[in-house]
């Protein structure tokens, strides 16, 4: 659950596709990369949602993914 700028609790489902560029680095240097990726996406989404009201989010819902990942 994520709180919007106008204090409305939202439940948002998001799908994220990703591509691993350096499989050796992930296997040897990054511990639990899937959990780290999930946490990073969750924080970015919370930050974005928290800056907008529900009306703003609904008016621009197609842009949420682009805004979160830039």
Protein backbone atom coordinates (compact mmCIF):
# COMPACT_ATOMS: atom_id res chain seq x y z
CA UNK A 1 0.00 0.00 0.00
CA UNK A 2 1.26 3.45 -0.93
CA UNK A 3 0.10 6.84 0.33
CA UNK A 4 -0.60 9.56 -2.24
CA UNK A 5 0.10 13.27 -1.70
CA UNK A 6 -3.51 13.79 -0.59
CA UNK A 7 -3.19 10.92 1.95
CA UNK A 8 -5.21 8.33 0.02
CA UNK A 9 -4.01 4.76 0.47
CA UNK A 10 -3.43 3.08 -2.89
CA UNK A 11 -2.65 -0.49 -3.78
CA UNK A 12 -0.67 -0.56 -6.98
CA UNK A 13 0.49 -3.52 -9.03
CA UNK A 14 3.43 -2.96 -11.31
CA UNK A 15 5.23 -5.23 -13.75
CA UNK A 16 8.89 -4.64 -14.44
CA UNK A 17 10.90 -6.28 -17.18
CA UNK A 18 14.64 -6.16 -16.90
CA UNK A 19 17.65 -7.46 -18.78
CA UNK A 20 20.81 -8.70 -17.13
CA UNK A 21 23.82 -7.27 -18.91
CA UNK A 22 26.60 -8.79 -16.79
CA UNK A 23 25.55 -12.20 -15.44
CA UNK A 24 28.96 -12.91 -13.93
CA UNK A 25 28.90 -9.69 -11.89
CA UNK A 26 25.41 -10.43 -10.61
CA UNK A 27 26.44 -13.95 -9.62
CA UNK A 28 29.68 -12.90 -7.92
CA UNK A 29 29.27 -9.34 -6.63
CA UNK A 30 25.61 -8.61 -5.96
CA UNK A 31 23.92 -10.43 -3.13
CA UNK A 32 20.25 -11.23 -3.74
CA UNK A 33 19.89 -8.94 -6.76
CA UNK A 34 16.19 -9.77 -7.20
CA UNK A 35 15.36 -8.47 -3.72
CA UNK A 36 17.51 -5.38 -4.28
CA UNK A 37 15.77 -4.70 -7.59
CA UNK A 38 12.35 -5.14 -5.98
CA UNK A 39 13.24 -2.75 -3.15
CA UNK A 40 14.63 -0.14 -5.54
CA UNK A 41 11.48 -0.23 -7.69
CA UNK A 42 9.24 -0.08 -4.60
CA UNK A 43 11.06 3.00 -3.26
CA UNK A 44 10.95 4.78 -6.63
CA UNK A 45 7.24 4.05 -6.98
CA UNK A 46 6.51 5.26 -3.43
CA UNK A 47 8.45 8.46 -4.08
CA UNK A 48 6.55 9.13 -7.30
CA UNK A 49 3.10 8.35 -5.88
CA UNK A 50 3.79 10.42 -2.76
CA UNK A 51 4.37 13.54 -4.88
CA UNK A 52 1.00 13.38 -6.64
CA UNK A 53 -2.68 13.45 -5.73
CA UNK A 54 -5.00 10.66 -6.77
CA UNK A 55 -6.56 12.90 -9.42
CA UNK A 56 -3.13 13.69 -10.89
CA UNK A 57 -2.18 10.01 -10.89
CA UNK A 58 -5.38 9.00 -12.63
CA UNK A 59 -5.02 11.75 -15.21
CA UNK A 60 -1.49 10.60 -16.08
CA UNK A 61 -1.52 6.90 -15.21
CA UNK A 62 0.08 5.93 -18.53
CA UNK A 63 3.15 7.99 -17.61
CA UNK A 64 3.81 6.49 -14.15
CA UNK A 65 6.20 3.81 -15.41
CA UNK A 66 8.20 6.29 -17.48
CA UNK A 67 8.39 8.72 -14.57
CA UNK A 68 9.45 6.07 -12.05
CA UNK A 69 12.25 4.67 -14.21
CA UNK A 70 13.85 7.93 -15.33
